[in-house]
Amino acid sequence: MPRFMSLIRINEQDAPDMQADPDFEQRMGALFEEITKAGVMLDTAGLLPTAEGTRITWEGGKLSFTDGPFIETKEVIGGYAIMQCKDRAEAVEWTRRFLQIHPVSWTVGAELRQIDEGATPPQA
């Protein structure tokens, strides 16, 4: 079965204003329990703010390092999920359900990508 990565996108600058309603944690826990029992969820986590991150860029034969926060970036990856689904439609459905349990006042997006199972890792 194919694996999919759901990259959860948030506007980090809006994060302090994103207050969860009292039932949010319960809804999230119930969904995670369901997706885990279905054997779909392989891994998921939220990410720390960009203030605690480092960007590493390879350009022109040189590496550069930039410590966060990345103020110029409006939208960032706030978390991820790796799912094993029978097809793209199932992955879209789980991602849709995940997004819809968030409070209506939040803006949260997801980029869903199938993992390239044909890629071979470089040899050491």
N, C-alpha and C. Protein backbone atom coordinates (compact mmCIF):
# COMPACT_ATOMS: atom_id res chain seq x y z
N MET A 1 0.85 -1.19 0.00
CA MET A 1 0.00 0.00 0.00
C MET A 1 0.88 1.24 0.00
N PRO A 2 0.46 2.26 -0.73
CA PRO A 2 1.28 3.47 -0.80
C PRO A 2 1.26 4.25 0.52
N ARG A 3 2.34 4.97 0.74
CA ARG A 3 2.43 5.86 1.90
C ARG A 3 2.28 7.30 1.42
N PHE A 4 1.71 8.12 2.28
CA PHE A 4 1.48 9.53 1.98
C PHE A 4 1.98 10.36 3.15
N MET A 5 2.51 11.54 2.84
CA MET A 5 2.89 12.49 3.87
C MET A 5 1.96 13.68 3.77
N SER A 6 1.37 14.02 4.87
CA SER A 6 0.53 15.21 4.98
C SER A 6 1.34 16.26 5.73
N LEU A 7 1.66 17.35 5.04
CA LEU A 7 2.40 18.45 5.65
C LEU A 7 1.39 19.50 6.09
N ILE A 8 1.31 19.76 7.37
CA ILE A 8 0.32 20.68 7.92
C ILE A 8 0.89 22.08 7.91
N ARG A 9 0.20 22.98 7.23
CA ARG A 9 0.67 24.35 7.06
C ARG A 9 -0.13 25.30 7.94
N ILE A 10 0.63 26.17 8.63
CA ILE A 10 0.00 27.18 9.48
C ILE A 10 0.69 28.53 9.24
N ASN A 11 0.01 29.59 9.60
CA ASN A 11 0.63 30.91 9.63
C ASN A 11 1.14 31.08 11.06
N GLU A 12 2.44 30.93 11.22
CA GLU A 12 3.04 30.95 12.55
C GLU A 12 2.79 32.27 13.28
N GLN A 13 2.67 33.36 12.54
CA GLN A 13 2.44 34.66 13.17
C GLN A 13 1.05 34.76 13.78
N ASP A 14 0.11 33.93 13.32
CA ASP A 14 -1.24 33.92 13.88
C ASP A 14 -1.37 32.95 15.06
N ALA A 15 -0.35 32.12 15.28
CA ALA A 15 -0.43 31.06 16.29
C ALA A 15 -0.83 31.54 17.68
N PRO A 16 -0.30 32.67 18.18
CA PRO A 16 -0.71 33.09 19.52
C PRO A 16 -2.21 33.40 19.62
N ASP A 17 -2.86 33.74 18.52
CA ASP A 17 -4.28 34.06 18.53
C ASP A 17 -5.16 32.83 18.33
N MET A 18 -4.56 31.68 18.09
CA MET A 18 -5.32 30.47 17.79
C MET A 18 -5.68 29.76 19.09
N GLN A 19 -6.81 30.08 19.65
CA GLN A 19 -7.28 29.47 20.88
C GLN A 19 -8.20 28.31 20.54
N ALA A 20 -7.90 27.14 21.11
CA ALA A 20 -8.71 25.96 20.87
C ALA A 20 -9.95 25.99 21.74
N ASP A 21 -11.05 25.46 21.19
CA ASP A 21 -12.25 25.33 21.99
C ASP A 21 -12.07 24.15 22.96
N PRO A 22 -12.90 24.07 24.00
CA PRO A 22 -12.69 23.05 25.05
C PRO A 22 -12.72 21.61 24.55
N ASP A 23 -13.43 21.32 23.46
CA ASP A 23 -13.55 19.95 22.97
C ASP A 23 -12.50 19.57 21.94
N PHE A 24 -11.62 20.51 21.57
CA PHE A 24 -10.65 20.25 20.50
C PHE A 24 -9.75 19.06 20.81
N GLU A 25 -9.17 19.02 21.99
CA GLU A 25 -8.26 17.93 22.35
C GLU A 25 -8.99 16.58 22.32
N GLN A 26 -10.23 16.56 22.76
CA GLN A 26 -11.01 15.32 22.75
C GLN A 26 -11.27 14.86 21.31
N ARG A 27 -11.64 15.79 20.43
CA ARG A 27 -11.87 15.44 19.02
C ARG A 27 -10.59 14.93 18.36
N MET A 28 -9.47 15.60 18.64
CA MET A 28 -8.19 15.20 18.07
C MET A 28 -7.80 13.81 18.58
N GLY A 29 -7.96 13.57 19.87
CA GLY A 29 -7.63 12.26 20.44
C GLY A 29 -8.48 11.15 19.84
N ALA A 30 -9.77 11.42 19.64
CA ALA A 30 -10.66 10.40 19.05
C ALA A 30 -10.27 10.09 17.62
N LEU A 31 -9.92 11.11 16.85
CA LEU A 31 -9.50 10.88 15.46
C LEU A 31 -8.19 10.09 15.43
N PHE A 32 -7.22 10.47 16.26
CA PHE A 32 -5.95 9.76 16.28
C PHE A 32 -6.14 8.29 16.70
N GLU A 33 -7.04 8.05 17.64
CA GLU A 33 -7.32 6.67 18.04
C GLU A 33 -7.93 5.89 16.88
N GLU A 34 -8.86 6.50 16.17
CA GLU A 34 -9.50 5.84 15.03
C GLU A 34 -8.51 5.55 13.90
N ILE A 35 -7.70 6.52 13.54
CA ILE A 35 -6.76 6.34 12.43
C ILE A 35 -5.67 5.34 12.79
N THR A 36 -5.31 5.27 14.07
CA THR A 36 -4.31 4.30 14.52
C THR A 36 -4.90 2.89 14.50
N LYS A 37 -6.13 2.73 15.00
CA LYS A 37 -6.79 1.42 14.98
C LYS A 37 -7.01 0.93 13.56
N ALA A 38 -7.21 1.85 12.61
CA ALA A 38 -7.40 1.48 11.21
C ALA A 38 -6.09 1.05 10.56
N GLY A 39 -4.97 1.21 11.26
CA GLY A 39 -3.67 0.81 10.73
C GLY A 39 -3.12 1.77 9.68
N VAL A 40 -3.64 2.99 9.66
CA VAL A 40 -3.26 3.97 8.65
C VAL A 40 -2.09 4.84 9.12
N MET A 41 -2.14 5.30 10.36
CA MET A 41 -1.14 6.24 10.87
C MET A 41 0.17 5.54 11.17
N LEU A 42 1.23 5.98 10.51
CA LEU A 42 2.56 5.43 10.77
C LEU A 42 3.35 6.34 11.70
N ASP A 43 3.18 7.66 11.56
CA ASP A 43 3.89 8.61 12.41
C ASP A 43 3.23 9.98 12.27
N THR A 44 3.23 10.74 13.33
CA THR A 44 2.70 12.10 13.29
C THR A 44 3.32 12.90 14.43
N ALA A 45 3.47 14.20 14.20
CA ALA A 45 3.99 15.08 15.25
C ALA A 45 3.80 16.52 14.83
N GLY A 46 3.72 17.38 15.83
CA GLY A 46 3.79 18.81 15.59
C GLY A 46 5.25 19.22 15.61
N LEU A 47 5.54 20.37 15.04
CA LEU A 47 6.92 20.85 15.01
C LEU A 47 7.05 22.08 15.90
N LEU A 48 8.23 22.25 16.50
CA LEU A 48 8.49 23.44 17.31
C LEU A 48 8.50 24.67 16.40
N PRO A 49 8.31 25.86 16.97
CA PRO A 49 8.30 27.09 16.16
C PRO A 49 9.61 27.29 15.40
N THR A 50 9.54 28.05 14.31
CA THR A 50 10.72 28.31 13.50
C THR A 50 11.81 29.04 14.28
N ALA A 51 11.45 29.71 15.37
CA ALA A 51 12.45 30.38 16.21
C ALA A 51 13.49 29.38 16.71
N GLU A 52 13.12 28.11 16.77
CA GLU A 52 14.02 27.08 17.26
C GLU A 52 14.62 26.24 16.12
N GLY A 53 14.44 26.71 14.88
CA GLY A 53 14.92 25.96 13.73
C GLY A 53 16.12 26.61 13.06
N THR A 54 16.70 25.90 12.13
CA THR A 54 17.81 26.39 11.32
C THR A 54 17.56 25.99 9.88
N ARG A 55 17.71 26.93 8.96
CA ARG A 55 17.65 26.62 7.54
C ARG A 55 19.06 26.45 7.02
N ILE A 56 19.25 25.38 6.28
CA ILE A 56 20.56 25.08 5.69
C ILE A 56 20.37 25.05 4.18
N THR A 57 21.14 25.87 3.47
CA THR A 57 20.98 26.00 2.03
C THR A 57 22.30 25.67 1.33
N TRP A 58 22.21 24.92 0.25
CA TRP A 58 23.35 24.62 -0.63
C TRP A 58 23.15 25.43 -1.89
N GLU A 59 24.04 26.37 -2.14
CA GLU A 59 23.92 27.23 -3.32
C GLU A 59 25.32 27.63 -3.78
N GLY A 60 25.56 27.51 -5.06
CA GLY A 60 26.84 27.91 -5.62
C GLY A 60 28.02 27.18 -5.02
N GLY A 61 27.80 25.94 -4.60
CA GLY A 61 28.89 25.16 -4.04
C GLY A 61 29.22 25.47 -2.59
N LYS A 62 28.35 26.24 -1.91
CA LYS A 62 28.59 26.61 -0.51
C LYS A 62 27.34 26.39 0.32
N LEU A 63 27.57 26.07 1.59
CA LEU A 63 26.47 25.95 2.54
C LEU A 63 26.29 27.26 3.28
N SER A 64 25.04 27.62 3.53
CA SER A 64 24.75 28.75 4.42
C SER A 64 23.75 28.28 5.47
N PHE A 65 23.84 28.87 6.64
CA PHE A 65 23.00 28.51 7.77
C PHE A 65 22.28 29.76 8.27
N THR A 66 20.97 29.66 8.45
CA THR A 66 20.18 30.77 8.96
C THR A 66 19.35 30.26 10.13
N ASP A 67 19.57 30.84 11.30
CA ASP A 67 18.78 30.46 12.46
C ASP A 67 17.45 31.21 12.46
N GLY A 68 16.41 30.54 12.95
CA GLY A 68 15.09 31.14 13.05
C GLY A 68 15.04 32.17 14.15
N PRO A 69 13.96 32.93 14.25
CA PRO A 69 12.73 32.75 13.48
C PRO A 69 12.87 33.29 12.06
N PHE A 70 12.02 32.80 11.19
CA PHE A 70 12.04 33.20 9.79
C PHE A 70 10.87 34.16 9.56
N ILE A 71 11.05 35.39 9.95
CA ILE A 71 9.99 36.40 9.94
C ILE A 71 9.41 36.60 8.55
N GLU A 72 10.26 36.51 7.53
CA GLU A 72 9.79 36.77 6.17
C GLU A 72 8.85 35.68 5.65
N THR A 73 8.78 34.54 6.33
CA THR A 73 7.94 33.43 5.90
C THR A 73 6.60 33.53 6.59
N LYS A 74 5.54 33.60 5.78
CA LYS A 74 4.20 33.68 6.35
C LYS A 74 3.68 32.30 6.72
N GLU A 75 3.79 31.37 5.81
CA GLU A 75 3.26 30.03 6.03
C GLU A 75 4.39 29.05 6.28
N VAL A 76 4.27 28.24 7.33
CA VAL A 76 5.31 27.27 7.67
C VAL A 76 4.67 25.90 7.89
N ILE A 77 5.50 24.88 7.90
CA ILE A 77 5.04 23.53 8.23
C ILE A 77 4.97 23.44 9.75
N GLY A 78 3.79 23.21 10.27
CA GLY A 78 3.59 23.14 11.71
C GLY A 78 3.56 21.72 12.24
N GLY A 79 3.46 20.75 11.33
CA GLY A 79 3.41 19.35 11.74
C GLY A 79 3.33 18.47 10.51
N TYR A 80 3.28 17.17 10.75
CA TYR A 80 3.22 16.23 9.64
C TYR A 80 2.54 14.95 10.10
N ALA A 81 2.10 14.17 9.13
CA ALA A 81 1.61 12.82 9.38
C ALA A 81 2.07 11.95 8.22
N ILE A 82 2.50 10.74 8.54
CA ILE A 82 2.82 9.76 7.51
C ILE A 82 1.78 8.65 7.65
N MET A 83 1.05 8.43 6.56
CA MET A 83 -0.04 7.46 6.56
C MET A 83 0.17 6.41 5.48
N GLN A 84 -0.29 5.21 5.73
CA GLN A 84 -0.27 4.17 4.72
C GLN A 84 -1.73 3.88 4.38
N CYS A 85 -2.10 4.23 3.16
CA CYS A 85 -3.49 4.15 2.73
C CYS A 85 -3.61 3.30 1.48
N LYS A 86 -4.83 2.83 1.22
CA LYS A 86 -5.02 2.00 0.01
C LYS A 86 -4.86 2.81 -1.26
N ASP A 87 -5.17 4.14 -1.18
CA ASP A 87 -5.03 5.00 -2.36
C ASP A 87 -5.08 6.47 -1.92
N ARG A 88 -4.91 7.35 -2.90
CA ARG A 88 -4.91 8.80 -2.63
C ARG A 88 -6.25 9.25 -2.04
N ALA A 89 -7.35 8.68 -2.50
CA ALA A 89 -8.66 9.09 -2.00
C ALA A 89 -8.78 8.86 -0.49
N GLU A 90 -8.26 7.73 -0.01
CA GLU A 90 -8.31 7.46 1.42
C GLU A 90 -7.44 8.46 2.19
N ALA A 91 -6.25 8.76 1.65
CA ALA A 91 -5.36 9.74 2.29
C ALA A 91 -6.01 11.12 2.34
N VAL A 92 -6.68 11.50 1.26
CA VAL A 92 -7.39 12.79 1.23
C VAL A 92 -8.50 12.80 2.29
N GLU A 93 -9.23 11.71 2.42
CA GLU A 93 -10.33 11.64 3.39
C GLU A 93 -9.82 11.80 4.83
N TRP A 94 -8.74 11.10 5.18
CA TRP A 94 -8.19 11.24 6.54
C TRP A 94 -7.69 12.67 6.77
N THR A 95 -7.05 13.25 5.78
CA THR A 95 -6.53 14.62 5.91
C THR A 95 -7.69 15.60 6.05
N ARG A 96 -8.75 15.41 5.26
CA ARG A 96 -9.94 16.26 5.36
C ARG A 96 -10.52 16.20 6.77
N ARG A 97 -10.65 15.00 7.30
CA ARG A 97 -11.20 14.84 8.64
C ARG A 97 -10.32 15.52 9.69
N PHE A 98 -9.00 15.40 9.53
CA PHE A 98 -8.08 16.05 10.45
C PHE A 98 -8.28 17.56 10.44
N LEU A 99 -8.34 18.15 9.27
CA LEU A 99 -8.50 19.61 9.17
C LEU A 99 -9.84 20.06 9.74
N GLN A 100 -10.90 19.30 9.50
CA GLN A 100 -12.24 19.72 9.92
C GLN A 100 -12.48 19.67 11.42
N ILE A 101 -11.62 19.01 12.19
CA ILE A 101 -11.83 19.02 13.64
C ILE A 101 -11.26 20.26 14.31
N HIS A 102 -10.51 21.07 13.55
CA HIS A 102 -9.94 22.30 14.11
C HIS A 102 -11.03 23.37 14.29
N PRO A 103 -10.84 24.28 15.23
CA PRO A 103 -11.80 25.36 15.43
C PRO A 103 -12.03 26.15 14.14
N VAL A 104 -13.25 26.62 13.93
CA VAL A 104 -13.59 27.32 12.69
C VAL A 104 -12.84 28.64 12.55
N SER A 105 -12.34 29.19 13.64
CA SER A 105 -11.61 30.46 13.58
C SER A 105 -10.16 30.29 13.13
N TRP A 106 -9.67 29.05 13.04
CA TRP A 106 -8.29 28.79 12.64
C TRP A 106 -8.18 28.67 11.13
N THR A 107 -7.01 28.98 10.62
CA THR A 107 -6.68 28.70 9.22
C THR A 107 -5.55 27.69 9.23
N VAL A 108 -5.85 26.49 8.81
CA VAL A 108 -4.88 25.39 8.77
C VAL A 108 -5.01 24.73 7.41
N GLY A 109 -3.88 24.47 6.77
CA GLY A 109 -3.90 23.81 5.47
C GLY A 109 -3.05 22.56 5.50
N ALA A 110 -3.15 21.79 4.45
CA ALA A 110 -2.35 20.57 4.35
C ALA A 110 -1.92 20.38 2.90
N GLU A 111 -0.71 19.94 2.75
CA GLU A 111 -0.20 19.52 1.44
C GLU A 111 -0.01 18.02 1.54
N LEU A 112 -0.71 17.27 0.70
CA LEU A 112 -0.67 15.82 0.74
C LEU A 112 0.17 15.32 -0.43
N ARG A 113 1.20 14.54 -0.12
CA ARG A 113 2.11 14.04 -1.15
C ARG A 113 2.34 12.55 -0.96
N GLN A 114 2.31 11.81 -2.06
CA GLN A 114 2.63 10.39 -1.99
C GLN A 114 4.14 10.23 -1.89
N ILE A 115 4.58 9.30 -1.06
CA ILE A 115 6.00 9.04 -0.88
C ILE A 115 6.49 8.19 -2.05
N ASP A 116 7.60 8.57 -2.63
CA ASP A 116 8.18 7.87 -3.77
C ASP A 116 8.84 6.59 -3.26
N GLU A 117 8.16 5.47 -3.41
CA GLU A 117 8.67 4.19 -2.92
C GLU A 117 9.77 3.63 -3.82
N GLY A 118 9.94 4.21 -5.01
CA GLY A 118 10.96 3.74 -5.94
C GLY A 118 12.32 4.36 -5.70
N ALA A 119 12.37 5.39 -4.87
CA ALA A 119 13.64 6.08 -4.62
C ALA A 119 14.56 5.17 -3.79
N THR A 120 15.80 5.11 -4.18
CA THR A 120 16.78 4.33 -3.43
C THR A 120 17.70 5.29 -2.69
N PRO A 121 17.97 4.99 -1.43
CA PRO A 121 18.87 5.88 -0.67
C PRO A 121 20.29 5.80 -1.21
N PRO A 122 21.05 6.87 -1.08
CA PRO A 122 22.44 6.85 -1.53
C PRO A 122 23.24 5.84 -0.74
N GLN A 123 24.19 5.22 -1.39
CA GLN A 123 25.05 4.24 -0.74
C GLN A 123 26.18 4.94 0.00
N ALA A 124 26.49 4.46 1.18
CA ALA A 124 27.57 5.06 2.00
C ALA A 124 28.92 4.62 1.51
